[in-house]
Amino acid sequence: MSDATITVRPGGPYLLTGPVTILDPAGESHEIPAGKTFGLCRCGGSARKPFCDGTHKTNGFSGTDAWPADSPAS
């Protein structure tokens, strides 16, 4: 099992800390090393999707929803 961690930032991106493998649309594998952290877009406005480029700061995204009671982890 991977030791990757995903942190949901209020009003911001998902922060992902490796080690983790990301598969791109072409099926190519990209290894993120242990301890490396980067943001994944959550607002839908990033020009660098799937990565965050900070657009959430200016496009009105709030992302303040609570953890859903019916989530798989609940």
Protein backbone atom coordinates (compact mmCIF):
# COMPACT_ATOMS: atom_id res chain seq x y z
CA MET A 1 0.00 0.00 0.00
CA SER A 2 1.23 3.50 -0.86
CA ASP A 3 2.12 5.98 1.84
CA ALA A 4 0.62 8.82 -0.21
CA THR A 5 -1.39 11.40 1.69
CA ILE A 6 -4.11 13.68 0.28
CA THR A 7 -4.92 16.82 2.26
CA VAL A 8 -8.10 18.75 1.39
CA ARG A 9 -7.30 22.47 1.74
CA PRO A 10 -10.26 24.70 2.65
CA GLY A 11 -10.81 26.93 -0.39
CA GLY A 12 -7.79 25.45 -2.15
CA PRO A 13 -6.39 22.42 -3.93
CA TYR A 14 -5.98 18.83 -2.89
CA LEU A 15 -2.40 18.57 -1.64
CA LEU A 16 -0.87 15.22 -2.54
CA THR A 17 2.31 13.99 -0.86
CA GLY A 18 4.14 11.02 -2.37
CA PRO A 19 5.26 8.44 -2.94
CA VAL A 20 2.58 7.96 -5.56
CA THR A 21 2.26 7.04 -9.23
CA ILE A 22 0.18 9.24 -11.54
CA LEU A 23 -1.02 7.90 -14.89
CA ASP A 24 -1.54 10.56 -17.56
CA PRO A 25 -4.25 10.37 -20.26
CA ALA A 26 -1.85 8.53 -22.58
CA GLY A 27 -1.27 5.89 -19.90
CA GLU A 28 2.27 7.07 -19.16
CA SER A 29 3.39 6.58 -15.58
CA HIS A 30 4.88 9.45 -13.55
CA GLU A 31 6.47 8.65 -10.20
CA ILE A 32 6.20 11.24 -7.43
CA PRO A 33 8.89 10.57 -4.83
CA ALA A 34 8.35 10.22 -1.09
CA GLY A 35 7.94 13.57 0.62
CA LYS A 36 7.25 15.55 -2.58
CA THR A 37 4.02 17.60 -2.28
CA PHE A 38 2.02 19.23 -5.07
CA GLY A 39 -1.51 20.56 -5.57
CA LEU A 40 -4.25 18.98 -7.66
CA CYS A 41 -6.90 21.37 -9.01
CA ARG A 42 -10.22 21.22 -7.20
CA CYS A 43 -11.88 24.36 -8.62
CA GLY A 44 -11.85 23.29 -12.27
CA GLY A 45 -10.23 26.52 -13.46
CA SER A 46 -6.55 25.65 -13.62
CA ALA A 47 -4.79 26.03 -16.96
CA ARG A 48 -2.39 23.27 -15.79
CA LYS A 49 -4.98 20.58 -14.93
CA PRO A 50 -4.74 18.26 -13.18
CA PHE A 51 -2.30 20.48 -11.27
CA CYS A 52 -3.27 23.61 -9.34
CA ASP A 53 -2.10 26.96 -10.72
CA GLY A 54 -3.74 29.15 -8.05
CA THR A 55 -6.80 30.09 -10.14
CA HIS A 56 -9.04 29.18 -7.16
CA LYS A 57 -7.89 32.45 -5.54
CA THR A 58 -9.60 34.55 -8.22
CA ASN A 59 -12.48 32.51 -9.71
CA GLY A 60 -14.86 32.51 -6.74
CA PHE A 61 -14.18 28.93 -5.63
CA SER A 62 -14.99 28.39 -1.95
CA GLY A 63 -14.49 24.66 -1.37
CA THR A 64 -15.68 24.88 2.22
CA ASP A 65 -18.03 21.90 2.16
CA ALA A 66 -17.87 19.57 5.15
CA TRP A 67 -16.79 15.95 4.84
CA PRO A 68 -19.84 14.11 3.44
CA ALA A 69 -21.55 11.79 5.90
CA ASP A 70 -22.01 9.17 3.18
CA SER A 71 -18.34 9.15 2.06
CA PRO A 72 -16.63 5.78 1.62
CA ALA A 73 -14.42 6.58 4.63
CA SER A 74 -17.34 7.32 6.98
